[in-house]
């Protein structure tokens, strides 16, 4: 069996240079960028555009299905607007998530995971679109929706980003664009006087 062409061969009685430990005085990696060198480390391969497009399409379909589906949203212990009980939420890394469940079994798995299976859970049935378009902006803080959060990989997270929640509630919106848009609206109002 022969070695692939182009690979350095060990000298007779020597060791394989590809497997030798590096000399601390020697450069660690030939791809290493030196201040004196114009050689750059290789760029990571670009993502397959077809794969990215397919994943975006799949997520758009999931989002559309969620928006059209009524989900169960437990009521939390904290008061919401108008002194009624608010929706059950959980905060993660500075973002609040409204907890929603696709059915009573998913809610039961969540209750079991919390050790609160015997507790009575009061919930509302709310259309996914209403959660994203109304409840998320009403939270007043960065907020998204976590669907079936006790189901691991079968759960879904809808983060507060443009394209999922209204732009004014998205954490990735450009606040400077909002200022420029407001100025343009003011200028148009002034011009119409």
N, C-alpha and C. Protein backbone atom coordinates (compact mmCIF):
# COMPACT_ATOMS: atom_id res chain seq x y z
N UNK A 1 0.85 -1.18 0.00
CA UNK A 1 0.00 0.00 0.00
C UNK A 1 0.89 1.23 0.00
N UNK A 2 0.63 2.19 -0.87
CA UNK A 2 1.48 3.37 -0.95
C UNK A 2 0.76 4.56 -0.32
N UNK A 3 1.56 5.52 0.11
CA UNK A 3 1.02 6.73 0.71
C UNK A 3 0.53 7.66 -0.39
N UNK A 4 -0.42 8.54 -0.08
CA UNK A 4 -0.92 9.46 -1.10
C UNK A 4 0.20 10.37 -1.58
N UNK A 5 0.18 10.73 -2.87
CA UNK A 5 1.23 11.60 -3.39
C UNK A 5 1.16 12.96 -2.73
N UNK A 6 2.31 13.59 -2.63
CA UNK A 6 2.38 14.94 -2.09
C UNK A 6 2.54 15.00 -0.59
N UNK A 7 2.43 13.88 0.10
CA UNK A 7 2.59 13.89 1.55
C UNK A 7 4.04 13.61 1.86
N UNK A 8 4.68 14.39 2.74
CA UNK A 8 6.09 14.14 3.08
C UNK A 8 6.25 12.74 3.66
N UNK A 9 7.26 12.06 3.22
CA UNK A 9 7.55 10.71 3.68
C UNK A 9 8.63 10.77 4.75
N UNK A 10 8.51 9.95 5.79
CA UNK A 10 9.56 9.94 6.81
C UNK A 10 10.84 9.36 6.22
N UNK A 11 11.92 9.91 6.68
CA UNK A 11 13.22 9.38 6.26
C UNK A 11 13.40 8.02 6.90
N UNK A 12 14.24 7.21 6.30
CA UNK A 12 14.48 5.88 6.85
C UNK A 12 14.93 6.02 8.29
N UNK A 13 14.24 5.32 9.18
CA UNK A 13 14.60 5.37 10.60
C UNK A 13 14.12 6.64 11.27
N UNK A 14 13.52 7.57 10.52
CA UNK A 14 13.05 8.83 11.11
C UNK A 14 11.57 8.75 11.43
N UNK A 15 11.04 9.85 11.87
CA UNK A 15 9.62 9.89 12.22
C UNK A 15 8.86 10.66 11.15
N UNK A 16 7.57 10.50 11.16
CA UNK A 16 6.71 11.18 10.21
C UNK A 16 6.64 12.66 10.58
N UNK A 17 7.05 13.57 9.67
CA UNK A 17 7.04 15.00 10.02
C UNK A 17 5.63 15.52 10.30
N UNK A 18 4.62 14.91 9.75
CA UNK A 18 3.26 15.38 10.01
C UNK A 18 2.81 15.04 11.42
N UNK A 19 3.47 14.08 12.04
CA UNK A 19 3.07 13.67 13.39
C UNK A 19 4.03 14.13 14.46
N UNK A 20 5.09 14.80 14.10
CA UNK A 20 6.06 15.26 15.08
C UNK A 20 5.47 16.38 15.91
N UNK A 21 5.89 16.46 17.17
CA UNK A 21 5.49 17.59 17.99
C UNK A 21 6.24 18.81 17.49
N UNK A 22 5.61 19.95 17.58
CA UNK A 22 6.23 21.15 17.04
C UNK A 22 7.31 21.67 17.97
N UNK A 23 8.30 22.27 17.36
CA UNK A 23 9.39 22.91 18.07
C UNK A 23 8.89 24.27 18.54
N UNK A 24 9.00 24.61 19.84
CA UNK A 24 8.48 25.88 20.33
C UNK A 24 9.10 27.08 19.63
N UNK A 25 10.30 26.94 19.11
CA UNK A 25 10.94 28.07 18.43
C UNK A 25 10.48 28.17 16.99
N UNK A 26 9.90 27.10 16.45
CA UNK A 26 9.46 27.10 15.06
C UNK A 26 8.07 27.71 14.97
N UNK A 27 7.72 28.24 13.79
CA UNK A 27 6.36 28.74 13.62
C UNK A 27 5.36 27.62 13.86
N UNK A 28 4.25 27.94 14.55
CA UNK A 28 3.28 26.92 14.91
C UNK A 28 2.49 26.40 13.73
N UNK A 29 2.21 27.24 12.78
CA UNK A 29 1.32 26.85 11.69
C UNK A 29 1.70 27.64 10.46
N UNK A 30 1.80 26.97 9.33
CA UNK A 30 2.17 27.69 8.13
C UNK A 30 1.08 28.64 7.69
N UNK A 31 -0.17 28.41 8.12
CA UNK A 31 -1.26 29.31 7.77
C UNK A 31 -1.31 30.52 8.69
N UNK A 32 -0.47 30.53 9.70
CA UNK A 32 -0.44 31.61 10.68
C UNK A 32 -0.08 32.93 9.98
N UNK A 33 -0.78 34.00 10.32
CA UNK A 33 -0.50 35.30 9.71
C UNK A 33 0.60 35.97 10.51
N UNK A 34 1.67 36.26 9.86
CA UNK A 34 2.79 36.95 10.48
C UNK A 34 2.70 38.42 10.13
N UNK A 35 3.20 39.28 11.01
CA UNK A 35 3.17 40.71 10.72
C UNK A 35 3.99 41.04 9.48
N UNK A 36 5.05 40.27 9.23
CA UNK A 36 5.90 40.53 8.08
C UNK A 36 5.38 39.85 6.82
N UNK A 37 4.41 38.99 6.94
CA UNK A 37 3.97 38.18 5.81
C UNK A 37 2.66 38.69 5.24
N UNK A 38 2.49 38.50 3.94
CA UNK A 38 1.23 38.81 3.29
C UNK A 38 0.33 37.58 3.20
N UNK A 39 0.81 36.46 3.74
CA UNK A 39 0.05 35.22 3.67
C UNK A 39 -1.07 35.27 4.69
N UNK A 40 -2.26 34.91 4.26
CA UNK A 40 -3.44 34.92 5.13
C UNK A 40 -3.88 33.48 5.41
N UNK A 41 -4.48 33.31 6.56
CA UNK A 41 -5.06 32.01 6.89
C UNK A 41 -6.18 31.73 5.91
N UNK A 42 -6.38 30.48 5.56
CA UNK A 42 -7.45 30.17 4.61
C UNK A 42 -8.81 30.54 5.18
N UNK A 43 -9.67 31.05 4.32
CA UNK A 43 -11.02 31.41 4.73
C UNK A 43 -11.84 30.13 4.88
N UNK A 44 -12.79 30.14 5.82
CA UNK A 44 -13.65 28.97 5.92
C UNK A 44 -14.48 28.85 4.65
N UNK A 45 -14.83 27.65 4.27
CA UNK A 45 -15.60 27.50 3.04
C UNK A 45 -16.96 28.19 3.19
N UNK A 46 -17.45 28.82 2.12
CA UNK A 46 -18.74 29.50 2.22
C UNK A 46 -19.86 28.47 2.41
N UNK A 47 -20.88 28.91 3.12
CA UNK A 47 -22.03 28.02 3.32
C UNK A 47 -22.67 27.74 1.97
N UNK A 48 -23.14 26.54 1.82
CA UNK A 48 -23.81 26.15 0.58
C UNK A 48 -25.09 26.98 0.46
N UNK A 49 -25.15 27.82 -0.56
CA UNK A 49 -26.30 28.70 -0.73
C UNK A 49 -27.62 27.93 -0.81
N UNK A 50 -27.61 26.79 -1.46
CA UNK A 50 -28.83 25.99 -1.57
C UNK A 50 -29.26 25.48 -0.19
N UNK A 51 -28.29 25.08 0.62
CA UNK A 51 -28.60 24.59 1.97
C UNK A 51 -29.16 25.72 2.83
N UNK A 52 -28.54 26.90 2.75
CA UNK A 52 -29.02 28.05 3.52
C UNK A 52 -30.43 28.41 3.08
N UNK A 53 -30.67 28.44 1.79
CA UNK A 53 -32.00 28.77 1.28
C UNK A 53 -33.03 27.74 1.74
N UNK A 54 -32.65 26.47 1.73
CA UNK A 54 -33.57 25.41 2.17
C UNK A 54 -33.90 25.55 3.65
N UNK A 55 -32.90 25.88 4.46
CA UNK A 55 -33.15 26.06 5.90
C UNK A 55 -34.03 27.27 6.16
N UNK A 56 -33.79 28.35 5.44
CA UNK A 56 -34.63 29.54 5.60
C UNK A 56 -36.07 29.23 5.20
N UNK A 57 -36.24 28.51 4.10
CA UNK A 57 -37.58 28.14 3.65
C UNK A 57 -38.28 27.26 4.68
N UNK A 58 -37.55 26.30 5.24
CA UNK A 58 -38.14 25.41 6.25
C UNK A 58 -38.56 26.21 7.48
N UNK A 59 -37.71 27.17 7.91
CA UNK A 59 -38.07 27.98 9.07
C UNK A 59 -39.28 28.86 8.75
N UNK A 60 -39.31 29.44 7.56
CA UNK A 60 -40.45 30.28 7.17
C UNK A 60 -41.75 29.47 7.21
N UNK A 61 -41.69 28.21 6.78
CA UNK A 61 -42.87 27.35 6.83
C UNK A 61 -43.28 27.07 8.28
N UNK A 62 -42.30 26.80 9.15
CA UNK A 62 -42.60 26.58 10.57
C UNK A 62 -43.21 27.83 11.20
N UNK A 63 -42.64 28.98 10.89
CA UNK A 63 -43.15 30.24 11.42
C UNK A 63 -44.58 30.48 10.95
N UNK A 64 -44.84 30.25 9.67
CA UNK A 64 -46.19 30.42 9.14
C UNK A 64 -47.18 29.50 9.81
N UNK A 65 -46.78 28.26 10.02
CA UNK A 65 -47.65 27.29 10.69
C UNK A 65 -47.93 27.74 12.13
N UNK A 66 -46.90 28.22 12.83
CA UNK A 66 -47.09 28.69 14.20
C UNK A 66 -48.04 29.88 14.22
N UNK A 67 -47.88 30.81 13.30
CA UNK A 67 -48.73 31.99 13.27
C UNK A 67 -50.21 31.61 13.07
N UNK A 68 -50.48 30.55 12.32
CA UNK A 68 -51.86 30.13 12.03
C UNK A 68 -52.45 29.19 13.09
N UNK A 69 -51.64 28.78 14.06
CA UNK A 69 -52.07 27.77 15.03
C UNK A 69 -52.39 28.39 16.39
N UNK A 70 -53.48 27.90 16.98
CA UNK A 70 -53.81 28.29 18.35
C UNK A 70 -52.97 27.44 19.30
N UNK A 71 -52.30 28.09 20.25
CA UNK A 71 -51.45 27.39 21.21
C UNK A 71 -51.95 27.68 22.62
N UNK A 72 -51.52 26.85 23.56
CA UNK A 72 -51.88 27.03 24.96
C UNK A 72 -50.81 27.86 25.64
N UNK A 73 -51.24 28.92 26.34
CA UNK A 73 -50.30 29.78 27.05
C UNK A 73 -50.74 29.85 28.51
N UNK A 74 -49.98 29.20 29.41
CA UNK A 74 -50.34 29.24 30.83
C UNK A 74 -50.27 30.67 31.37
N UNK A 75 -51.09 30.92 32.37
CA UNK A 75 -51.06 32.21 33.05
C UNK A 75 -50.03 32.14 34.16
N UNK A 76 -49.27 33.20 34.30
CA UNK A 76 -48.26 33.27 35.34
C UNK A 76 -48.85 33.80 36.64
N UNK A 77 -47.99 33.95 37.62
CA UNK A 77 -48.44 34.45 38.92
C UNK A 77 -48.42 35.96 39.00
N UNK A 78 -47.68 36.60 38.09
CA UNK A 78 -47.56 38.06 38.10
C UNK A 78 -48.75 38.69 37.38
N UNK A 79 -49.16 39.88 37.83
CA UNK A 79 -50.27 40.54 37.13
C UNK A 79 -49.82 41.06 35.77
N UNK A 80 -50.74 41.02 34.83
CA UNK A 80 -50.50 41.56 33.50
C UNK A 80 -51.19 42.90 33.39
N UNK A 81 -51.45 43.33 32.16
CA UNK A 81 -52.17 44.58 31.99
C UNK A 81 -53.58 44.47 32.56
N UNK A 82 -54.09 45.57 33.03
CA UNK A 82 -55.44 45.65 33.60
C UNK A 82 -55.61 44.71 34.80
N UNK A 83 -54.51 44.46 35.52
CA UNK A 83 -54.51 43.70 36.77
C UNK A 83 -54.96 42.24 36.64
N UNK A 84 -55.10 41.73 35.43
CA UNK A 84 -55.38 40.30 35.29
C UNK A 84 -54.05 39.56 35.29
N UNK A 85 -54.09 38.27 35.47
CA UNK A 85 -52.85 37.49 35.48
C UNK A 85 -52.18 37.56 34.12
N UNK A 86 -50.88 37.77 34.15
CA UNK A 86 -50.12 37.83 32.91
C UNK A 86 -49.80 36.44 32.38
N UNK A 87 -49.21 36.41 31.20
CA UNK A 87 -48.81 35.15 30.58
C UNK A 87 -47.56 34.62 31.25
N UNK A 88 -47.40 33.31 31.29
CA UNK A 88 -46.22 32.69 31.89
C UNK A 88 -45.01 32.97 31.01
N UNK A 89 -43.96 33.49 31.62
CA UNK A 89 -42.74 33.82 30.88
C UNK A 89 -41.53 33.28 31.62
N UNK A 90 -40.43 33.23 30.90
CA UNK A 90 -39.14 32.88 31.48
C UNK A 90 -38.11 33.79 30.84
N UNK A 91 -37.17 34.27 31.65
CA UNK A 91 -36.10 35.14 31.13
C UNK A 91 -34.85 34.31 30.90
N UNK A 92 -34.21 34.56 29.76
CA UNK A 92 -32.98 33.85 29.41
C UNK A 92 -32.04 34.82 28.72
N UNK A 93 -30.87 35.05 29.33
CA UNK A 93 -29.85 35.96 28.78
C UNK A 93 -30.43 37.33 28.43
N UNK A 94 -31.24 37.88 29.30
CA UNK A 94 -31.77 39.22 29.10
C UNK A 94 -32.95 39.30 28.15
N UNK A 95 -33.45 38.18 27.70
CA UNK A 95 -34.61 38.16 26.81
C UNK A 95 -35.73 37.38 27.49
N UNK A 96 -36.91 37.95 27.47
CA UNK A 96 -38.07 37.28 28.05
C UNK A 96 -38.73 36.43 26.96
N UNK A 97 -39.16 35.25 27.33
CA UNK A 97 -39.86 34.37 26.40
C UNK A 97 -41.22 34.01 26.98
N UNK A 98 -42.26 34.20 26.18
CA UNK A 98 -43.59 33.74 26.54
C UNK A 98 -43.59 32.24 26.29
N UNK A 99 -44.01 31.47 27.29
CA UNK A 99 -44.03 30.01 27.16
C UNK A 99 -45.37 29.57 26.58
N UNK A 100 -45.30 28.87 25.45
CA UNK A 100 -46.49 28.40 24.76
C UNK A 100 -46.35 26.90 24.52
N UNK A 101 -47.49 26.22 24.42
CA UNK A 101 -47.48 24.77 24.26
C UNK A 101 -48.47 24.37 23.17
N UNK A 102 -48.06 23.39 22.38
CA UNK A 102 -48.88 22.97 21.25
C UNK A 102 -50.13 22.22 21.67
N UNK A 103 -50.11 21.58 22.84
CA UNK A 103 -51.28 20.84 23.32
C UNK A 103 -51.12 20.59 24.82
N UNK A 104 -52.14 19.98 25.42
CA UNK A 104 -52.11 19.73 26.86
C UNK A 104 -51.01 18.75 27.26
N UNK A 105 -50.68 17.81 26.39
CA UNK A 105 -49.61 16.86 26.69
C UNK A 105 -48.26 17.58 26.79
N UNK A 106 -48.02 18.55 25.91
CA UNK A 106 -46.77 19.32 25.96
C UNK A 106 -46.72 20.14 27.24
N UNK A 107 -47.85 20.73 27.64
CA UNK A 107 -47.91 21.47 28.90
C UNK A 107 -47.68 20.53 30.08
N UNK A 108 -48.23 19.33 30.03
CA UNK A 108 -48.03 18.35 31.11
C UNK A 108 -46.56 17.96 31.22
N UNK A 109 -45.86 17.81 30.09
CA UNK A 109 -44.42 17.48 30.14
C UNK A 109 -43.64 18.62 30.80
N UNK A 110 -44.04 19.86 30.53
CA UNK A 110 -43.40 21.02 31.16
C UNK A 110 -43.65 20.99 32.67
N UNK A 111 -44.90 20.75 33.06
CA UNK A 111 -45.24 20.69 34.49
C UNK A 111 -44.45 19.59 35.19
N UNK A 112 -44.33 18.43 34.54
CA UNK A 112 -43.56 17.31 35.09
C UNK A 112 -42.10 17.70 35.26
N UNK A 113 -41.53 18.35 34.26
CA UNK A 113 -40.12 18.76 34.31
C UNK A 113 -39.87 19.74 35.45
N UNK A 114 -40.86 20.55 35.77
CA UNK A 114 -40.74 21.51 36.87
C UNK A 114 -41.09 20.90 38.22
N UNK A 115 -41.55 19.68 38.24
CA UNK A 115 -41.96 19.06 39.50
C UNK A 115 -43.28 19.61 39.99
N UNK A 116 -44.10 20.16 39.08
CA UNK A 116 -45.37 20.76 39.44
C UNK A 116 -46.52 20.07 38.70
N UNK A 117 -46.42 18.77 38.55
CA UNK A 117 -47.41 18.02 37.78
C UNK A 117 -48.78 18.04 38.44
N UNK A 118 -48.82 18.06 39.77
CA UNK A 118 -50.12 18.01 40.47
C UNK A 118 -50.80 19.38 40.54
N UNK A 119 -50.09 20.42 40.22
CA UNK A 119 -50.65 21.77 40.25
C UNK A 119 -51.68 21.93 39.13
N UNK A 120 -52.71 22.73 39.37
CA UNK A 120 -53.67 23.04 38.31
C UNK A 120 -53.11 24.20 37.49
N UNK A 121 -53.06 24.02 36.19
CA UNK A 121 -52.50 25.03 35.29
C UNK A 121 -53.64 25.72 34.54
N UNK A 122 -53.77 27.02 34.77
CA UNK A 122 -54.75 27.81 34.04
C UNK A 122 -54.06 28.35 32.80
N UNK A 123 -54.71 28.22 31.66
CA UNK A 123 -54.09 28.70 30.42
C UNK A 123 -55.12 29.33 29.51
N UNK A 124 -54.62 30.07 28.55
CA UNK A 124 -55.44 30.65 27.49
C UNK A 124 -55.05 30.00 26.18
N UNK A 125 -55.98 29.96 25.27
CA UNK A 125 -55.68 29.51 23.91
C UNK A 125 -55.55 30.77 23.06
N UNK A 126 -54.36 30.94 22.48
CA UNK A 126 -54.05 32.17 21.75
C UNK A 126 -53.43 31.81 20.41
N UNK A 127 -53.84 32.51 19.38
CA UNK A 127 -53.27 32.31 18.05
C UNK A 127 -51.80 32.74 18.06
N UNK A 128 -50.93 31.96 17.44
CA UNK A 128 -49.50 32.28 17.41
C UNK A 128 -49.23 33.68 16.88
N UNK A 129 -49.96 34.09 15.84
CA UNK A 129 -49.77 35.44 15.28
C UNK A 129 -50.06 36.51 16.32
N UNK A 130 -51.07 36.29 17.14
CA UNK A 130 -51.41 37.27 18.18
C UNK A 130 -50.31 37.35 19.24
N UNK A 131 -49.72 36.22 19.56
CA UNK A 131 -48.59 36.24 20.51
C UNK A 131 -47.45 37.08 19.95
N UNK A 132 -47.07 36.80 18.70
CA UNK A 132 -45.92 37.49 18.10
C UNK A 132 -46.21 38.96 17.82
N UNK A 133 -47.41 39.28 17.34
CA UNK A 133 -47.71 40.64 16.89
C UNK A 133 -48.25 41.55 17.98
N UNK A 134 -48.84 40.98 19.03
CA UNK A 134 -49.46 41.81 20.08
C UNK A 134 -48.79 41.61 21.43
N UNK A 135 -48.69 40.37 21.89
CA UNK A 135 -48.16 40.11 23.23
C UNK A 135 -46.67 40.44 23.34
N UNK A 136 -45.89 40.10 22.31
CA UNK A 136 -44.45 40.38 22.36
C UNK A 136 -44.18 41.88 22.48
N UNK A 137 -44.74 42.74 21.61
CA UNK A 137 -44.48 44.18 21.78
C UNK A 137 -45.03 44.73 23.10
N UNK A 138 -46.13 44.16 23.60
CA UNK A 138 -46.72 44.64 24.85
C UNK A 138 -45.85 44.34 26.07
N UNK A 139 -44.91 43.41 25.93
CA UNK A 139 -44.05 43.04 27.06
C UNK A 139 -43.19 44.22 27.51
N UNK A 140 -42.86 45.11 26.60
CA UNK A 140 -42.05 46.27 26.97
C UNK A 140 -40.58 45.99 27.15
N UNK A 141 -40.17 44.76 26.97
CA UNK A 141 -38.75 44.36 27.05
C UNK A 141 -38.51 43.41 25.88
N UNK A 142 -37.24 43.15 25.52
CA UNK A 142 -37.01 42.17 24.46
C UNK A 142 -37.70 40.85 24.80
N UNK A 143 -38.55 40.38 23.90
CA UNK A 143 -39.40 39.22 24.20
C UNK A 143 -39.63 38.40 22.95
N UNK A 144 -39.59 37.09 23.12
CA UNK A 144 -39.91 36.15 22.04
C UNK A 144 -40.88 35.11 22.57
N UNK A 145 -41.01 34.01 21.84
CA UNK A 145 -41.91 32.94 22.24
C UNK A 145 -41.15 31.62 22.21
N UNK A 146 -41.29 30.82 23.26
CA UNK A 146 -40.71 29.48 23.31
C UNK A 146 -41.87 28.48 23.26
N UNK A 147 -41.89 27.66 22.23
CA UNK A 147 -42.96 26.68 22.04
C UNK A 147 -42.47 25.31 22.48
N UNK A 148 -43.22 24.67 23.36
CA UNK A 148 -42.91 23.32 23.84
C UNK A 148 -41.48 23.23 24.39
N UNK A 149 -41.18 24.11 25.32
CA UNK A 149 -39.80 24.24 25.82
C UNK A 149 -39.31 23.04 26.62
N UNK A 150 -40.18 22.15 27.04
CA UNK A 150 -39.74 20.96 27.77
C UNK A 150 -39.45 19.79 26.83
N UNK A 151 -39.58 20.01 25.54
CA UNK A 151 -39.45 18.92 24.57
C UNK A 151 -38.11 18.88 23.87
N UNK A 152 -37.11 19.55 24.41
CA UNK A 152 -35.76 19.49 23.84
C UNK A 152 -35.73 19.94 22.39
N UNK A 153 -35.16 19.10 21.52
CA UNK A 153 -35.01 19.44 20.11
C UNK A 153 -36.35 19.56 19.39
N UNK A 154 -37.40 19.01 19.95
CA UNK A 154 -38.71 19.11 19.32
C UNK A 154 -39.39 20.44 19.63
N UNK A 155 -38.83 21.22 20.56
CA UNK A 155 -39.36 22.53 20.87
C UNK A 155 -38.89 23.53 19.82
N UNK A 156 -39.41 24.74 19.89
CA UNK A 156 -39.06 25.77 18.91
C UNK A 156 -38.98 27.11 19.62
N UNK A 157 -38.00 27.92 19.23
CA UNK A 157 -37.86 29.25 19.79
C UNK A 157 -38.05 30.27 18.68
N UNK A 158 -38.89 31.25 18.94
CA UNK A 158 -39.10 32.36 18.02
C UNK A 158 -38.52 33.60 18.69
N UNK A 159 -37.27 33.95 18.36
CA UNK A 159 -36.61 35.06 19.04
C UNK A 159 -37.15 36.41 18.57
N UNK A 160 -36.90 37.45 19.35
CA UNK A 160 -37.41 38.78 18.99
C UNK A 160 -36.52 39.46 17.94
N UNK A 161 -36.57 38.95 16.73
CA UNK A 161 -35.78 39.53 15.63
C UNK A 161 -36.71 39.90 14.48
N UNK A 162 -36.22 40.79 13.61
CA UNK A 162 -37.01 41.23 12.47
C UNK A 162 -37.39 40.02 11.61
N UNK A 163 -38.60 40.06 11.09
CA UNK A 163 -39.10 38.95 10.30
C UNK A 163 -39.89 37.96 11.13
N UNK A 164 -39.74 38.03 12.45
CA UNK A 164 -40.50 37.14 13.33
C UNK A 164 -41.47 37.96 14.17
N UNK A 165 -40.98 39.03 14.77
CA UNK A 165 -41.82 39.93 15.57
C UNK A 165 -41.87 41.27 14.85
N UNK A 166 -42.81 42.15 15.23
CA UNK A 166 -42.85 43.47 14.61
C UNK A 166 -41.50 44.18 14.77
N UNK A 167 -41.13 44.95 13.77
CA UNK A 167 -39.82 45.61 13.77
C UNK A 167 -39.56 46.41 15.03
N UNK A 168 -40.58 47.09 15.57
CA UNK A 168 -40.37 47.92 16.76
C UNK A 168 -40.04 47.08 17.99
N UNK A 169 -40.34 45.79 17.97
CA UNK A 169 -40.04 44.90 19.10
C UNK A 169 -38.79 44.06 18.85
N UNK A 170 -38.17 44.20 17.69
CA UNK A 170 -37.02 43.37 17.32
C UNK A 170 -35.73 43.93 17.91
N UNK A 171 -34.89 43.04 18.41
CA UNK A 171 -33.62 43.47 18.99
C UNK A 171 -32.57 43.75 17.93
N UNK A 172 -32.79 43.29 16.70
CA UNK A 172 -31.80 43.50 15.64
C UNK A 172 -32.16 44.66 14.72
N UNK A 173 -33.14 45.46 15.08
CA UNK A 173 -33.48 46.61 14.24
C UNK A 173 -32.43 47.69 14.41
N UNK A 174 -32.33 48.55 13.44
CA UNK A 174 -31.37 49.65 13.48
C UNK A 174 -32.06 50.86 14.10
N UNK A 175 -31.72 51.21 15.36
CA UNK A 175 -32.40 52.35 15.99
C UNK A 175 -32.14 53.66 15.26
N UNK A 176 -30.99 53.76 14.58
CA UNK A 176 -30.70 54.97 13.80
C UNK A 176 -31.66 55.10 12.63
N UNK A 177 -32.06 53.99 12.04
CA UNK A 177 -33.02 54.03 10.93
C UNK A 177 -34.36 54.56 11.43
N UNK A 178 -34.72 54.20 12.67
CA UNK A 178 -35.97 54.71 13.25
C UNK A 178 -35.91 56.22 13.40
N UNK A 179 -34.76 56.74 13.83
CA UNK A 179 -34.60 58.18 14.01
C UNK A 179 -34.71 58.88 12.66
N UNK A 180 -34.02 58.34 11.64
CA UNK A 180 -34.07 58.95 10.30
C UNK A 180 -35.48 58.89 9.74
N UNK A 181 -36.19 57.80 9.96
CA UNK A 181 -37.55 57.66 9.46
C UNK A 181 -38.45 58.68 10.15
N UNK A 182 -38.28 58.86 11.47
CA UNK A 182 -39.08 59.85 12.20
C UNK A 182 -38.80 61.25 11.68
N UNK A 183 -37.53 61.56 11.40
CA UNK A 183 -37.19 62.88 10.87
C UNK A 183 -37.81 63.10 9.50
N UNK A 184 -37.80 62.05 8.65
CA UNK A 184 -38.41 62.18 7.32
C UNK A 184 -39.91 62.40 7.44
N UNK A 185 -40.57 61.73 8.38
CA UNK A 185 -42.00 61.94 8.58
C UNK A 185 -42.27 63.36 9.04
N UNK A 186 -41.43 63.87 9.96
CA UNK A 186 -41.59 65.24 10.44
C UNK A 186 -41.39 66.23 9.30
N UNK A 187 -40.38 65.99 8.45
CA UNK A 187 -40.11 66.88 7.32
C UNK A 187 -41.28 66.87 6.34
N UNK A 188 -41.87 65.70 6.11
CA UNK A 188 -43.01 65.62 5.20
C UNK A 188 -44.22 66.35 5.78
N UNK A 189 -44.41 66.28 7.09
CA UNK A 189 -45.52 67.00 7.72
C UNK A 189 -45.31 68.50 7.58
N UNK A 190 -44.06 68.96 7.81
CA UNK A 190 -43.75 70.39 7.70
C UNK A 190 -43.95 70.88 6.27
N UNK A 191 -43.59 70.07 5.29
CA UNK A 191 -43.72 70.47 3.89
C UNK A 191 -45.18 70.57 3.48
N UNK A 192 -46.06 69.83 4.14
CA UNK A 192 -47.47 69.82 3.79
C UNK A 192 -48.26 70.96 4.41
N UNK A 193 -47.65 71.78 5.24
CA UNK A 193 -48.38 72.89 5.90
C UNK A 193 -48.73 73.97 4.95
